């Protein structure tokens, strides 16, 4: 029994075969067709017949290769032999040689290539009369087309078979490689999501126990309190990285979502800024937000928690990579159908060659202060895109600071964009 392609493989795009088979047909002057041998459409011609000679084009005007024609029925019998496990099939329809070979995917057969339809020997008027009578053309007219054709010898047919086998094998191996890469990618994404969730539970338990100890043990030795405070910081850092892994897994698997509601932008900006105030003060960074009302007058159609995550990440990065005494600024400006939020700093900047990669997954800074998994900007970009917006990075170069710009449509702008994309 013939094995079919695995169910998890991506649907086959038969059209990708058309160009290489057309080129093979033209180069070898053969008629070529591709058939499916898997599933409900088994035995159905998917491509062809591809015609390369005057004789083939003449035959195409007859009933030979119609859906209910004798040539199509003959090809289907040849394909059935391939589906039954034969590797190389050569049959004759009258004096015309017809051959076939299998197509495989993941080591399993899914189709067959049928080729040939050339006379094995120099034809004769009588042979053309017999063939013409069966397919509904005048034998003399057929003879006029084929009498100058050179016969397709068995040796030449074998050569063409090997050429076509090499071509098909190359395409199938490429597809197998793509399937394997996709399988590995799916496995990686599942692993990432599973491990991230499994890590979250013990970290939550550990964090809770540390907090309980800090709150209930009033007379603990100073060294123990210092150790617990340090442990709390590290647990929070690990928890943040796990959350990044979970968000990255959701991004990779396409399961991240946002719940957009009418949201005052000022509230989101204030909450994001408040999380970095300690670092700003410790590094004596000149921090500013313009306008002073933090965008209270602007309402966006957004998921407030996810938007705060984006802004917090951008502001935290700006503070992290800005040296002591530097400057970080957040600027909010309203556009015709949206709002722009720019986070600028005077920090280490980004080299021109690195700008194209800053939003990639696991992209880590190589300079001082590098920490985390390098997923923050990757996740931020996906969140912004889910809001129908965009995020870009710019920098004059290393040591010259950087600016990240987030564009978000207002509710009216978001609706207009969605309407135009439908």
Protein backbone atom coordinates (compact mmCIF):
# COMPACT_ATOMS: atom_id res chain seq x y z
CA UNK A 1 0.00 0.00 0.00
CA UNK A 2 1.32 3.42 -0.91
CA UNK A 3 2.05 5.80 1.98
CA UNK A 4 0.81 9.33 1.67
CA UNK A 5 2.31 12.61 2.85
CA UNK A 6 1.95 13.28 6.60
CA UNK A 7 -1.11 15.25 7.64
CA UNK A 8 0.92 17.96 9.37
CA UNK A 9 2.77 18.90 6.18
CA UNK A 10 1.73 22.18 4.62
CA UNK A 11 -0.70 21.94 1.67
CA UNK A 12 1.12 21.36 -1.59
CA UNK A 13 1.28 24.25 -4.03
CA UNK A 14 1.26 22.52 -7.39
CA UNK A 15 1.79 25.81 -9.21
CA UNK A 16 5.38 25.90 -8.02
CA UNK A 17 5.97 22.94 -10.34
CA UNK A 18 4.64 24.68 -13.44
CA UNK A 19 7.69 26.74 -14.40
CA UNK A 20 10.37 24.02 -13.95
CA UNK A 21 8.20 21.45 -15.76
CA UNK A 22 7.50 23.90 -18.57
CA UNK A 23 11.22 24.49 -18.95
CA UNK A 24 11.90 20.75 -18.96
CA UNK A 25 9.18 20.20 -21.55
CA UNK A 26 10.61 22.85 -23.84
CA UNK A 27 14.21 21.68 -23.44
CA UNK A 28 13.43 18.01 -24.13
CA UNK A 29 10.50 18.43 -26.55
CA UNK A 30 8.27 16.21 -24.42
CA UNK A 31 4.68 16.43 -23.24
CA UNK A 32 4.67 16.62 -19.43
CA UNK A 33 1.87 16.37 -16.87
CA UNK A 34 1.76 16.21 -13.07
CA UNK A 35 -0.76 14.07 -11.20
CA UNK A 36 -1.82 13.81 -7.59
CA UNK A 37 -1.92 10.33 -6.09
CA UNK A 38 -2.84 11.29 -2.51
CA UNK A 39 -6.23 11.93 -0.94
CA UNK A 40 -9.61 12.54 -2.51
CA UNK A 41 -8.07 14.00 -5.69
CA UNK A 42 -5.92 10.95 -6.39
CA UNK A 43 -5.49 10.44 -10.10
CA UNK A 44 -6.32 14.04 -10.95
CA UNK A 45 -4.08 15.93 -13.35
CA UNK A 46 -2.82 19.05 -11.59
CA UNK A 47 -0.53 20.47 -14.29
CA UNK A 48 -0.48 19.92 -18.02
CA UNK A 49 -0.35 18.60 -20.49
CA UNK A 50 2.55 20.96 -21.20
CA UNK A 51 3.24 21.03 -24.93
CA UNK A 52 6.56 21.69 -26.63
CA UNK A 53 6.24 20.54 -30.28
CA UNK A 54 3.94 21.09 -33.25
CA UNK A 55 2.86 17.44 -33.08
CA UNK A 56 1.89 17.80 -29.42
CA UNK A 57 -0.08 20.97 -30.14
CA UNK A 58 -1.86 19.18 -32.98
CA UNK A 59 -2.73 16.27 -30.72
CA UNK A 60 -4.05 18.73 -28.11
CA UNK A 61 -6.79 19.74 -30.58
CA UNK A 62 -8.11 16.19 -30.51
CA UNK A 63 -9.91 14.30 -27.75
CA UNK A 64 -6.63 12.73 -26.58
CA UNK A 65 -6.03 14.73 -23.37
CA UNK A 66 -9.54 15.87 -22.60
CA UNK A 67 -10.77 14.99 -19.14
CA UNK A 68 -12.69 12.05 -20.58
CA UNK A 69 -10.24 11.41 -23.42
CA UNK A 70 -8.42 8.13 -24.09
CA UNK A 71 -5.02 9.69 -23.47
CA UNK A 72 -6.05 10.98 -20.06
CA UNK A 73 -7.44 7.55 -19.15
CA UNK A 74 -4.17 6.00 -20.30
CA UNK A 75 -2.12 8.43 -18.17
CA UNK A 76 -4.29 7.66 -15.15
CA UNK A 77 -3.53 3.95 -15.58
CA UNK A 78 0.18 4.76 -15.71
CA UNK A 79 -0.18 6.93 -12.58
CA UNK A 80 -1.95 4.05 -10.81
CA UNK A 81 1.15 1.92 -11.38
CA UNK A 82 3.29 4.61 -9.74
CA UNK A 83 0.84 4.84 -6.82
CA UNK A 84 1.09 1.06 -6.44
CA UNK A 85 4.83 1.36 -5.81
CA UNK A 86 6.51 1.21 -9.22
CA UNK A 87 9.44 3.62 -9.49
CA UNK A 88 9.93 3.72 -13.27
CA UNK A 89 7.02 3.09 -15.60
CA UNK A 90 7.16 3.06 -19.40
CA UNK A 91 4.11 2.17 -21.47
CA UNK A 92 2.99 2.61 -25.07
CA UNK A 93 -0.17 4.20 -26.36
CA UNK A 94 -0.23 2.94 -29.93
CA UNK A 95 3.34 3.80 -31.01
CA UNK A 96 3.72 6.71 -28.55
CA UNK A 97 6.00 6.18 -25.55
CA UNK A 98 4.70 7.40 -22.20
CA UNK A 99 6.74 7.23 -18.98
CA UNK A 100 6.17 8.17 -15.35
CA UNK A 101 8.07 8.56 -12.09
CA UNK A 102 6.97 9.28 -8.51
CA UNK A 103 7.11 12.51 -6.49
CA UNK A 104 7.94 12.13 -2.82
CA UNK A 105 7.63 14.31 0.24
CA UNK A 106 9.10 13.25 3.53
CA UNK A 107 9.86 9.89 1.98
CA UNK A 108 6.22 9.34 1.04
CA UNK A 109 4.66 9.50 -2.41
CA UNK A 110 2.17 12.23 -3.15
CA UNK A 111 2.25 12.59 -6.95
CA UNK A 112 3.57 11.40 -10.29
CA UNK A 113 5.11 13.05 -13.33
CA UNK A 114 3.97 11.67 -16.68
CA UNK A 115 6.10 12.54 -19.71
CA UNK A 116 6.83 11.51 -23.27
CA UNK A 117 4.06 11.12 -25.85
CA UNK A 118 6.65 10.75 -28.61
CA UNK A 119 6.87 8.03 -31.25
CA UNK A 120 9.31 5.28 -30.39
CA UNK A 121 10.08 4.67 -34.08
CA UNK A 122 9.59 6.52 -37.31
CA UNK A 123 5.86 6.50 -37.76
CA UNK A 124 3.84 5.44 -40.80
CA UNK A 125 0.65 6.68 -42.47
CA UNK A 126 -1.14 3.53 -41.34
CA UNK A 127 -0.15 4.04 -37.71
CA UNK A 128 -1.32 7.63 -37.92
CA UNK A 129 -4.64 6.49 -39.40
CA UNK A 130 -5.23 4.09 -36.48
CA UNK A 131 -4.33 6.72 -33.89
CA UNK A 132 -6.31 9.44 -35.64
CA UNK A 133 -9.42 7.29 -35.76
CA UNK A 134 -9.30 6.79 -32.00
CA UNK A 135 -8.79 10.43 -31.07
CA UNK A 136 -10.93 12.05 -33.73
CA UNK A 137 -8.42 13.61 -36.18
CA UNK A 138 -7.60 12.95 -39.81
CA UNK A 139 -4.83 10.38 -40.11
CA UNK A 140 -3.25 12.18 -43.07
CA UNK A 141 -3.13 15.46 -41.19
CA UNK A 142 -1.48 13.71 -38.26
CA UNK A 143 1.02 12.06 -40.59
CA UNK A 144 1.91 15.46 -42.05
CA UNK A 145 2.85 16.63 -38.54
CA UNK A 146 4.82 13.62 -37.31
CA UNK A 147 6.64 12.37 -40.39
CA UNK A 148 9.61 14.67 -39.86
CA UNK A 149 9.87 14.01 -36.12
CA UNK A 150 12.85 12.03 -34.91
CA UNK A 151 11.82 8.99 -32.83
CA UNK A 152 12.35 8.97 -29.07
CA UNK A 153 14.64 6.02 -28.49
CA UNK A 154 14.57 4.07 -25.23
CA UNK A 155 18.10 5.26 -24.41
CA UNK A 156 17.10 8.92 -24.85
CA UNK A 157 13.93 8.40 -22.85
CA UNK A 158 16.03 6.95 -20.00
CA UNK A 159 18.29 10.02 -20.14
CA UNK A 160 15.29 12.35 -19.95
CA UNK A 161 13.89 10.27 -17.09
CA UNK A 162 17.07 10.77 -15.05
CA UNK A 163 17.09 14.51 -15.80
CA UNK A 164 13.49 14.83 -14.67
CA UNK A 165 14.17 12.68 -11.60
CA UNK A 166 17.04 15.00 -10.65
CA UNK A 167 14.83 18.07 -11.14
CA UNK A 168 11.97 16.59 -9.13
CA UNK A 169 14.30 15.36 -6.41
CA UNK A 170 15.81 18.82 -6.02
CA UNK A 171 12.40 20.47 -5.65
CA UNK A 172 11.14 17.79 -3.26
CA UNK A 173 14.28 17.97 -1.10
CA UNK A 174 13.92 21.72 -0.89
CA UNK A 175 10.32 21.30 0.23
CA UNK A 176 11.35 18.63 2.74
CA UNK A 177 13.91 21.03 4.16
CA UNK A 178 11.29 23.76 4.48
CA UNK A 179 8.89 21.34 6.18
CA UNK A 180 11.59 20.28 8.63
CA UNK A 181 12.47 23.90 9.43
CA UNK A 182 8.81 24.65 10.07
CA UNK A 183 8.51 21.55 12.26
CA UNK A 184 11.56 22.59 14.28
CA UNK A 185 10.16 26.11 14.57
CA UNK A 186 6.80 24.82 15.83
CA UNK A 187 8.57 22.54 18.31
CA UNK A 188 10.71 25.43 19.53
CA UNK A 189 7.69 27.66 19.97
CA UNK A 190 5.79 24.96 21.89
CA UNK A 191 8.84 24.29 24.06
CA UNK A 192 9.28 27.99 24.76
CA UNK A 193 5.63 28.42 25.72
CA UNK A 194 5.56 25.29 27.90
CA UNK A 195 8.81 25.98 29.74
CA UNK A 196 7.87 29.60 30.32
CA UNK A 197 4.59 28.63 31.97
CA UNK A 198 6.27 25.90 34.03
CA UNK A 199 8.84 28.41 35.30
CA UNK A 200 6.22 30.96 36.29
CA UNK A 201 4.63 28.78 39.01
CA UNK A 202 7.73 28.09 41.16
CA UNK A 203 8.92 31.68 40.78
CA UNK A 204 5.56 32.95 42.04
CA UNK A 205 5.76 30.61 45.02
CA UNK A 206 9.34 31.67 45.78
CA UNK A 207 8.45 35.35 45.52
CA UNK A 208 5.51 34.90 47.90
CA UNK A 209 7.69 33.10 50.49
CA UNK A 210 10.36 35.81 50.35
CA UNK A 211 7.71 38.51 50.88
CA UNK A 212 6.22 36.60 53.81
CA UNK A 213 9.63 36.27 55.44
CA UNK A 214 10.39 39.97 55.00
CA UNK A 215 7.05 40.98 56.48
CA UNK A 216 6.77 38.52 59.38
CA UNK A 217 10.36 38.17 60.68
CA UNK A 218 10.78 41.47 62.47
CA UNK A 219 14.02 40.64 64.30
CA UNK A 220 15.95 38.83 61.58
CA UNK A 221 19.73 39.32 61.46
CA UNK A 222 20.83 42.13 59.11
CA UNK A 223 22.76 39.71 56.91
CA UNK A 224 19.64 37.57 56.43
CA UNK A 225 17.51 40.61 55.59
CA UNK A 226 20.08 41.78 53.07
CA UNK A 227 20.13 38.32 51.51
CA UNK A 228 16.31 38.20 51.29
CA UNK A 229 16.13 41.69 49.77
CA UNK A 230 18.72 40.64 47.18
CA UNK A 231 16.76 37.44 46.55
CA UNK A 232 13.57 39.47 46.01
CA UNK A 233 15.32 41.58 43.37
CA UNK A 234 16.65 38.53 41.56
CA UNK A 235 13.31 36.71 41.69
CA UNK A 236 11.60 39.76 40.20
CA UNK A 237 14.22 39.91 37.46
CA UNK A 238 13.72 36.23 36.69
CA UNK A 239 9.94 36.68 36.73
CA UNK A 240 10.24 39.57 34.28
CA UNK A 241 12.33 37.43 31.94
CA UNK A 242 9.80 34.61 32.16
CA UNK A 243 7.02 37.04 31.26
CA UNK A 244 9.11 38.16 28.27
CA UNK A 245 9.52 34.53 27.23
CA UNK A 246 5.78 33.96 27.50
CA UNK A 247 5.03 37.07 25.43
CA UNK A 248 7.65 36.05 22.88
CA UNK A 249 6.08 32.59 22.65
CA UNK A 250 2.66 34.18 22.13
CA UNK A 251 4.14 36.34 19.40
CA UNK A 252 5.80 33.38 17.67
CA UNK A 253 2.64 31.28 17.84
CA UNK A 254 0.34 34.13 16.86
CA UNK A 255 -1.66 33.93 20.09
CA UNK A 256 -0.83 37.36 21.51
CA UNK A 257 -3.85 39.62 21.51
CA UNK A 258 -4.84 43.07 22.71
CA UNK A 259 -8.15 44.34 24.06
CA UNK A 260 -8.53 47.89 22.81
CA UNK A 261 -10.70 50.38 24.66
CA UNK A 262 -10.86 54.16 24.79
CA UNK A 263 -7.85 55.01 26.99
CA UNK A 264 -6.53 58.36 28.28
CA UNK A 265 -2.92 58.47 27.10
CA UNK A 266 -1.75 60.59 30.03
CA UNK A 267 -2.59 57.90 32.57
CA UNK A 268 -0.63 55.29 30.65
CA UNK A 269 2.40 57.56 30.27
CA UNK A 270 2.42 58.47 33.97
CA UNK A 271 2.28 54.83 35.03
CA UNK A 272 5.14 53.95 32.68
CA UNK A 273 7.25 56.87 33.91
CA UNK A 274 6.63 56.07 37.58
CA UNK A 275 8.30 52.66 37.20
CA UNK A 276 11.67 54.18 36.27
CA UNK A 277 11.76 57.17 38.62
CA UNK A 278 14.12 55.38 41.01
CA UNK A 279 16.65 54.64 38.26
CA UNK A 280 16.37 58.20 36.91
CA UNK A 281 17.12 59.65 40.34
CA UNK A 282 19.97 57.23 41.06
CA UNK A 283 21.75 58.09 37.78
CA UNK A 284 20.99 61.85 38.05
CA UNK A 285 19.43 61.79 34.61
CA UNK A 286 17.61 64.88 33.34
CA UNK A 287 14.18 63.43 32.58
CA UNK A 288 11.39 65.35 30.85
CA UNK A 289 7.93 64.74 29.43
CA UNK A 290 6.35 67.12 26.92
CA UNK A 291 3.70 68.36 27.13
CA UNK A 292 3.55 68.75 30.89
CA UNK A 293 0.13 67.13 31.09
CA UNK A 294 1.64 63.86 29.75
CA UNK A 295 -1.00 63.72 27.00
CA UNK A 296 -4.07 63.92 29.24
CA UNK A 297 -5.93 65.63 26.39
CA UNK A 298 -5.38 62.65 24.05
CA UNK A 299 -7.50 59.53 23.99
CA UNK A 300 -6.24 56.43 22.20
CA UNK A 301 -8.01 53.23 21.26
CA UNK A 302 -5.65 50.81 22.96
CA UNK A 303 -5.04 48.06 25.47
CA UNK A 304 -3.80 50.15 28.42
CA UNK A 305 -1.80 47.34 30.03
CA UNK A 306 -0.03 46.41 26.81
CA UNK A 307 0.59 50.04 25.85
CA UNK A 308 2.09 50.71 29.27
CA UNK A 309 4.34 47.67 28.70
CA UNK A 310 5.61 49.22 25.44
CA UNK A 311 6.29 52.65 26.91
CA UNK A 312 7.85 51.23 30.07
CA UNK A 313 10.20 49.14 27.96
CA UNK A 314 11.27 52.09 25.80
CA UNK A 315 11.77 54.42 28.76
CA UNK A 316 13.58 51.77 30.81
CA UNK A 317 15.96 51.07 27.91
CA UNK A 318 16.60 54.79 27.46
CA UNK A 319 17.50 55.15 31.14
CA UNK A 320 19.51 51.93 31.20
CA UNK A 321 21.73 52.88 28.26
CA UNK A 322 22.18 56.52 29.21
CA UNK A 323 25.20 57.32 31.41
CA UNK A 324 24.98 59.26 34.64
CA UNK A 325 24.17 62.91 34.09
CA UNK A 326 22.62 62.22 30.69
CA UNK A 327 19.16 63.14 29.42
CA UNK A 328 16.02 61.20 28.55
CA UNK A 329 12.89 62.79 27.11
CA UNK A 330 9.38 61.66 26.21
CA UNK A 331 7.59 63.78 23.63
CA UNK A 332 3.93 63.35 22.74
CA UNK A 333 2.43 64.92 19.62
CA UNK A 334 -1.00 64.54 18.10
CA UNK A 335 -1.27 63.79 14.38
CA UNK A 336 -4.25 64.07 12.02
CA UNK A 337 -5.44 60.53 12.72
CA UNK A 338 -3.16 59.34 15.48
CA UNK A 339 -0.52 60.13 18.06
CA UNK A 340 3.29 59.92 18.05
CA UNK A 341 5.24 59.15 21.22
CA UNK A 342 9.00 59.67 20.98
CA UNK A 343 11.43 58.43 23.60
CA UNK A 344 14.87 60.01 23.13
CA UNK A 345 18.09 59.68 25.08
CA UNK A 346 21.69 60.88 25.06
CA UNK A 347 23.05 57.40 25.66
CA UNK A 348 25.27 54.94 23.82
CA UNK A 349 23.32 55.13 20.57
CA UNK A 350 22.99 52.50 17.86
CA UNK A 351 25.42 51.80 15.04
CA UNK A 352 23.90 52.19 11.54
CA UNK A 353 24.42 48.49 10.77
CA UNK A 354 22.52 47.52 13.93
CA UNK A 355 19.43 49.67 13.40
CA UNK A 356 17.79 47.07 11.17
CA UNK A 357 18.11 44.43 13.90
CA UNK A 358 17.05 46.22 17.09
CA UNK A 359 13.52 44.78 16.97
CA UNK A 360 14.68 41.19 16.47
CA UNK A 361 14.20 38.48 19.06
CA UNK A 362 17.07 37.86 21.51
CA UNK A 363 18.91 40.97 20.34
CA UNK A 364 21.26 41.95 23.15
CA UNK A 365 23.30 45.10 23.57
CA UNK A 366 27.01 44.41 23.59
CA UNK A 367 27.86 47.52 25.62
CA UNK A 368 27.74 48.10 29.35
CA UNK A 369 24.45 47.67 31.18
CA UNK A 370 23.41 44.83 28.88
CA UNK A 371 20.99 42.51 30.64
CA UNK A 372 17.81 40.53 30.07
CA UNK A 373 16.98 38.32 27.13
CA UNK A 374 16.82 40.90 24.37
CA UNK A 375 13.08 40.38 23.87
CA UNK A 376 11.67 43.72 25.02
CA UNK A 377 11.74 45.57 21.70
CA UNK A 378 10.68 42.45 19.81
CA UNK A 379 7.57 42.18 21.97
CA UNK A 380 6.97 45.95 21.89
CA UNK A 381 6.90 45.96 18.09
CA UNK A 382 4.32 43.16 18.02
CA UNK A 383 2.12 44.94 20.56
CA UNK A 384 2.22 48.17 18.57
CA UNK A 385 1.44 46.33 15.33
CA UNK A 386 -1.56 44.66 16.98
CA UNK A 387 -2.80 48.20 17.69
CA UNK A 388 -2.53 49.05 13.99
CA UNK A 389 0.48 51.26 14.67
CA UNK A 390 4.20 51.27 14.00
CA UNK A 391 7.45 51.62 15.92
CA UNK A 392 10.75 52.81 14.51
CA UNK A 393 14.27 53.45 15.81
CA UNK A 394 16.78 56.10 14.76
CA UNK A 395 20.23 57.11 15.94
CA UNK A 396 22.99 59.37 14.64
CA UNK A 397 25.46 56.64 15.59
CA UNK A 398 27.39 55.11 18.47
CA UNK A 399 27.62 57.37 21.51
CA UNK A 400 25.12 59.86 20.06
CA UNK A 401 21.89 58.69 21.61
CA UNK A 402 18.80 57.15 20.07
CA UNK A 403 15.12 57.89 19.47
CA UNK A 404 12.28 55.39 19.38
CA UNK A 405 9.02 56.58 17.83
CA UNK A 406 5.67 54.89 18.39
CA UNK A 407 2.75 55.82 16.16
CA UNK A 408 -0.71 54.82 17.33
CA UNK A 409 -3.94 55.56 15.49
CA UNK A 410 -6.69 57.27 17.40
CA UNK A 411 -10.03 55.48 17.51
CA UNK A 412 -11.14 57.26 14.33
CA UNK A 413 -7.81 56.58 12.64
CA UNK A 414 -7.86 52.90 13.64
CA UNK A 415 -11.31 52.44 12.19
CA UNK A 416 -10.28 54.14 8.95
CA UNK A 417 -7.19 51.96 8.64
CA UNK A 418 -9.18 48.78 9.25
CA UNK A 419 -11.80 49.88 6.75
CA UNK A 420 -9.15 50.53 4.07
CA UNK A 421 -7.50 47.13 4.68
CA UNK A 422 -10.78 45.17 4.26
